[in-house]
């Protein structure tokens, strides 16, 4: 019989408590991973929209004749992503540059600013860049989304 002055948990009570904690933890970890994946996917979508919008603005400005003429074979697209950050001279303006990005955003999947590039002349699904211009960007991550599509096809 237990004395009233003795307090504490029996071994069985400890095992039951730890088992319950283990079950709760094993349910929480997948939920946390799914949440982190969802945040990274949202960030990837946002960054891709930001870069693609800057490329489209560059193309629109080039088509309207607002930018100084570029190299032949670019079809009005930037020659690389750095041009969008450094800026390009406006036609008819001496010191004015059009900057379309503050910086090249980090790829949330690879945690680097090294994006996969496609030129206008490249195949839409190619993973190699021809180097003529920048028509599109994609992540270099080989991971797949929850629905099975590779992030590089977003």
C-alpha atoms as a PDB file:
ATOM      1  CA  UNK A   1       0.000   0.000   0.000  1.00  0.00           C
ATOM      2  CA  UNK A   2       1.160   3.474  -0.793  1.00  0.00           C
ATOM      3  CA  UNK A   3       1.773   6.011   1.821  1.00  0.00           C
ATOM      4  CA  UNK A   4       0.307   9.451   1.417  1.00  0.00           C
ATOM      5  CA  UNK A   5       3.725  11.112   1.783  1.00  0.00           C
ATOM      6  CA  UNK A   6       5.060   9.259  -1.235  1.00  0.00           C
ATOM      7  CA  UNK A   7       4.215  10.914  -4.535  1.00  0.00           C
ATOM      8  CA  UNK A   8       5.200  10.253  -8.135  1.00  0.00           C
ATOM      9  CA  UNK A   9       4.249   8.217 -11.141  1.00  0.00           C
ATOM     10  CA  UNK A  10       4.451   4.522 -11.560  1.00  0.00           C
ATOM     11  CA  UNK A  11       6.352   2.993 -14.449  1.00  0.00           C
ATOM     12  CA  UNK A  12       3.102   2.129 -16.236  1.00  0.00           C
ATOM     13  CA  UNK A  13       1.859   5.706 -15.957  1.00  0.00           C
ATOM     14  CA  UNK A  14       5.153   6.990 -17.402  1.00  0.00           C
ATOM     15  CA  UNK A  15       5.013   4.554 -20.311  1.00  0.00           C
ATOM     16  CA  UNK A  16       1.434   5.555 -21.107  1.00  0.00           C
ATOM     17  CA  UNK A  17       2.295   9.278 -20.947  1.00  0.00           C
ATOM     18  CA  UNK A  18       5.323   8.848 -23.243  1.00  0.00           C
ATOM     19  CA  UNK A  19       3.297   6.750 -25.687  1.00  0.00           C
ATOM     20  CA  UNK A  20       0.658   9.461 -25.931  1.00  0.00           C
ATOM     21  CA  UNK A  21       3.352  12.110 -26.491  1.00  0.00           C
ATOM     22  CA  UNK A  22       4.972   9.948 -29.169  1.00  0.00           C
ATOM     23  CA  UNK A  23       1.667   9.524 -31.018  1.00  0.00           C
ATOM     24  CA  UNK A  24       0.930  13.265 -30.896  1.00  0.00           C
ATOM     25  CA  UNK A  25       4.439  14.125 -32.094  1.00  0.00           C
ATOM     26  CA  UNK A  26       4.281  11.640 -34.964  1.00  0.00           C
ATOM     27  CA  UNK A  27       1.076  13.323 -36.157  1.00  0.00           C
ATOM     28  CA  UNK A  28       2.478  16.865 -35.831  1.00  0.00           C
ATOM     29  CA  UNK A  29       5.681  16.351 -37.850  1.00  0.00           C
ATOM     30  CA  UNK A  30       3.995  15.563 -41.208  1.00  0.00           C
ATOM     31  CA  UNK A  31       1.658  18.514 -40.720  1.00  0.00           C
ATOM     32  CA  UNK A  32       4.614  20.817 -40.088  1.00  0.00           C
ATOM     33  CA  UNK A  33       6.430  19.506 -43.177  1.00  0.00           C
ATOM     34  CA  UNK A  34       3.328  20.018 -45.321  1.00  0.00           C
ATOM     35  CA  UNK A  35       2.996  23.561 -44.040  1.00  0.00           C
ATOM     36  CA  UNK A  36       6.636  24.377 -44.842  1.00  0.00           C
ATOM     37  CA  UNK A  37       6.241  22.854 -48.316  1.00  0.00           C
ATOM     38  CA  UNK A  38       3.104  24.920 -48.903  1.00  0.00           C
ATOM     39  CA  UNK A  39       4.881  28.128 -47.880  1.00  0.00           C
ATOM     40  CA  UNK A  40       7.798  27.365 -50.211  1.00  0.00           C
ATOM     41  CA  UNK A  41       5.393  26.621 -53.077  1.00  0.00           C
ATOM     42  CA  UNK A  42       3.563  29.933 -52.528  1.00  0.00           C
ATOM     43  CA  UNK A  43       6.882  31.763 -52.442  1.00  0.00           C
ATOM     44  CA  UNK A  44       8.014  30.030 -55.652  1.00  0.00           C
ATOM     45  CA  UNK A  45       4.803  31.065 -57.424  1.00  0.00           C
ATOM     46  CA  UNK A  46       5.203  34.656 -56.223  1.00  0.00           C
ATOM     47  CA  UNK A  47       8.850  34.880 -57.293  1.00  0.00           C
ATOM     48  CA  UNK A  48       8.176  33.328 -60.707  1.00  0.00           C
ATOM     49  CA  UNK A  49       5.391  35.861 -61.291  1.00  0.00           C
ATOM     50  CA  UNK A  50       7.725  38.700 -60.241  1.00  0.00           C
ATOM     51  CA  UNK A  51      10.519  37.661 -62.629  1.00  0.00           C
ATOM     52  CA  UNK A  52       8.184  36.835 -65.525  1.00  0.00           C
ATOM     53  CA  UNK A  53       6.388  40.177 -65.109  1.00  0.00           C
ATOM     54  CA  UNK A  54       9.742  41.989 -65.292  1.00  0.00           C
ATOM     55  CA  UNK A  55      10.658  40.053 -68.457  1.00  0.00           C
ATOM     56  CA  UNK A  56       7.270  40.910 -69.992  1.00  0.00           C
ATOM     57  CA  UNK A  57       7.660  44.618 -69.116  1.00  0.00           C
ATOM     58  CA  UNK A  58      11.101  44.605 -70.729  1.00  0.00           C
ATOM     59  CA  UNK A  59       9.652  43.021 -73.885  1.00  0.00           C
ATOM     60  CA  UNK A  60       6.763  45.518 -73.986  1.00  0.00           C
ATOM     61  CA  UNK A  61       9.146  48.464 -73.588  1.00  0.00           C
ATOM     62  CA  UNK A  62      11.418  47.094 -76.328  1.00  0.00           C
ATOM     63  CA  UNK A  63       8.460  46.568 -78.675  1.00  0.00           C
ATOM     64  CA  UNK A  64       7.315  50.150 -78.075  1.00  0.00           C
ATOM     65  CA  UNK A  65      10.800  51.439 -78.901  1.00  0.00           C
ATOM     66  CA  UNK A  66      11.379  52.836 -75.407  1.00  0.00           C
ATOM     67  CA  UNK A  67      14.661  50.974 -74.917  1.00  0.00           C
ATOM     68  CA  UNK A  68      17.938  51.543 -76.699  1.00  0.00           C
ATOM     69  CA  UNK A  69      18.435  48.911 -79.421  1.00  0.00           C
ATOM     70  CA  UNK A  70      19.929  45.667 -78.113  1.00  0.00           C
ATOM     71  CA  UNK A  71      21.970  42.957 -79.729  1.00  0.00           C
ATOM     72  CA  UNK A  72      20.668  41.193 -82.809  1.00  0.00           C
ATOM     73  CA  UNK A  73      18.784  37.946 -82.187  1.00  0.00           C
ATOM     74  CA  UNK A  74      17.225  38.958 -78.861  1.00  0.00           C
ATOM     75  CA  UNK A  75      13.721  39.594 -80.232  1.00  0.00           C
ATOM     76  CA  UNK A  76      13.228  42.297 -77.603  1.00  0.00           C
ATOM     77  CA  UNK A  77      13.946  40.056 -74.602  1.00  0.00           C
ATOM     78  CA  UNK A  78      16.727  40.734 -72.055  1.00  0.00           C
ATOM     79  CA  UNK A  79      20.059  39.012 -72.662  1.00  0.00           C
ATOM     80  CA  UNK A  80      20.194  37.838 -69.007  1.00  0.00           C
ATOM     81  CA  UNK A  81      18.514  38.476 -65.651  1.00  0.00           C
ATOM     82  CA  UNK A  82      21.230  40.898 -64.538  1.00  0.00           C
ATOM     83  CA  UNK A  83      20.012  43.370 -67.177  1.00  0.00           C
ATOM     84  CA  UNK A  84      16.679  43.603 -65.351  1.00  0.00           C
ATOM     85  CA  UNK A  85      18.510  44.566 -62.148  1.00  0.00           C
ATOM     86  CA  UNK A  86      21.253  46.811 -63.560  1.00  0.00           C
ATOM     87  CA  UNK A  87      18.847  48.557 -65.877  1.00  0.00           C
ATOM     88  CA  UNK A  88      18.848  49.260 -69.584  1.00  0.00           C
ATOM     89  CA  UNK A  89      19.212  52.614 -71.287  1.00  0.00           C
ATOM     90  CA  UNK A  90      16.049  54.273 -72.454  1.00  0.00           C
ATOM     91  CA  UNK A  91      16.093  55.362 -76.085  1.00  0.00           C
ATOM     92  CA  UNK A  92      16.495  59.104 -76.554  1.00  0.00           C
ATOM     93  CA  UNK A  93      17.481  59.585 -72.884  1.00  0.00           C
ATOM     94  CA  UNK A  94      21.090  60.147 -71.894  1.00  0.00           C
ATOM     95  CA  UNK A  95      21.175  59.166 -68.228  1.00  0.00           C
ATOM     96  CA  UNK A  96      17.892  57.372 -67.716  1.00  0.00           C
ATOM     97  CA  UNK A  97      17.808  53.611 -67.150  1.00  0.00           C
ATOM     98  CA  UNK A  98      14.830  51.312 -66.773  1.00  0.00           C
ATOM     99  CA  UNK A  99      15.313  48.994 -63.779  1.00  0.00           C
ATOM    100  CA  UNK A 100      12.676  46.299 -63.630  1.00  0.00           C
ATOM    101  CA  UNK A 101      13.931  44.271 -60.633  1.00  0.00           C
ATOM    102  CA  UNK A 102      15.578  45.469 -57.427  1.00  0.00           C
ATOM    103  CA  UNK A 103      17.484  42.208 -57.175  1.00  0.00           C
ATOM    104  CA  UNK A 104      17.328  38.698 -58.551  1.00  0.00           C
ATOM    105  CA  UNK A 105      15.086  36.852 -56.082  1.00  0.00           C
ATOM    106  CA  UNK A 106      16.204  33.648 -54.393  1.00  0.00           C
ATOM    107  CA  UNK A 107      14.686  30.412 -55.548  1.00  0.00           C
ATOM    108  CA  UNK A 108      12.894  29.094 -52.432  1.00  0.00           C
ATOM    109  CA  UNK A 109      13.398  25.484 -53.544  1.00  0.00           C
ATOM    110  CA  UNK A 110      17.176  25.649 -54.087  1.00  0.00           C
ATOM    111  CA  UNK A 111      17.882  28.688 -51.858  1.00  0.00           C
ATOM    112  CA  UNK A 112      20.035  30.314 -54.533  1.00  0.00           C
ATOM    113  CA  UNK A 113      19.681  32.976 -57.214  1.00  0.00           C
ATOM    114  CA  UNK A 114      20.707  30.485 -59.901  1.00  0.00           C
ATOM    115  CA  UNK A 115      17.565  30.085 -62.014  1.00  0.00           C
ATOM    116  CA  UNK A 116      17.068  27.890 -65.029  1.00  0.00           C
ATOM    117  CA  UNK A 117      16.663  30.027 -68.159  1.00  0.00           C
ATOM    118  CA  UNK A 118      14.987  29.457 -71.509  1.00  0.00           C
ATOM    119  CA  UNK A 119      15.415  31.609 -74.584  1.00  0.00           C
ATOM    120  CA  UNK A 120      12.838  32.295 -77.266  1.00  0.00           C
ATOM    121  CA  UNK A 121      14.648  29.832 -79.548  1.00  0.00           C
ATOM    122  CA  UNK A 122      14.725  26.982 -76.971  1.00  0.00           C
ATOM    123  CA  UNK A 123      12.236  24.147 -76.752  1.00  0.00           C
ATOM    124  CA  UNK A 124       9.572  24.985 -74.102  1.00  0.00           C
ATOM    125  CA  UNK A 125      10.514  21.937 -72.008  1.00  0.00           C
ATOM    126  CA  UNK A 126      14.299  22.157 -72.426  1.00  0.00           C
ATOM    127  CA  UNK A 127      16.560  22.351 -69.425  1.00  0.00           C
ATOM    128  CA  UNK A 128      19.423  23.910 -71.365  1.00  0.00           C
ATOM    129  CA  UNK A 129      19.683  27.576 -72.193  1.00  0.00           C
ATOM    130  CA  UNK A 130      20.645  28.607 -75.715  1.00  0.00           C
ATOM    131  CA  UNK A 131      21.998  31.931 -74.424  1.00  0.00           C
ATOM    132  CA  UNK A 132      20.339  34.181 -77.023  1.00  0.00           C
ATOM    133  CA  UNK A 133      17.911  35.895 -74.611  1.00  0.00           C
ATOM    134  CA  UNK A 134      15.783  35.262 -71.520  1.00  0.00           C
ATOM    135  CA  UNK A 135      12.240  34.327 -72.469  1.00  0.00           C
ATOM    136  CA  UNK A 136      11.344  32.324 -69.344  1.00  0.00           C
ATOM    137  CA  UNK A 137      12.721  31.173 -65.980  1.00  0.00           C
ATOM    138  CA  UNK A 138      12.212  27.998 -63.959  1.00  0.00           C
ATOM    139  CA  UNK A 139      13.524  26.474 -60.751  1.00  0.00           C
ATOM    140  CA  UNK A 140      16.384  24.002 -60.979  1.00  0.00           C
ATOM    141  CA  UNK A 141      14.863  21.910 -58.191  1.00  0.00           C
ATOM    142  CA  UNK A 142      14.195  18.274 -59.075  1.00  0.00           C
ATOM    143  CA  UNK A 143      11.468  17.935 -56.427  1.00  0.00           C
ATOM    144  CA  UNK A 144       7.810  17.446 -57.240  1.00  0.00           C
ATOM    145  CA  UNK A 145       4.732  19.186 -55.899  1.00  0.00           C
ATOM    146  CA  UNK A 146       1.992  17.378 -54.011  1.00  0.00           C
ATOM    147  CA  UNK A 147       0.072  16.805 -57.246  1.00  0.00           C
ATOM    148  CA  UNK A 148       3.095  15.139 -58.865  1.00  0.00           C
ATOM    149  CA  UNK A 149       4.158  17.947 -61.230  1.00  0.00           C
ATOM    150  CA  UNK A 150       7.835  18.889 -61.107  1.00  0.00           C
ATOM    151  CA  UNK A 151       8.489  22.375 -59.754  1.00  0.00           C
ATOM    152  CA  UNK A 152      10.619  23.048 -62.825  1.00  0.00           C
ATOM    153  CA  UNK A 153       7.447  22.932 -64.978  1.00  0.00           C
ATOM    154  CA  UNK A 154       5.664  25.681 -63.051  1.00  0.00           C
END
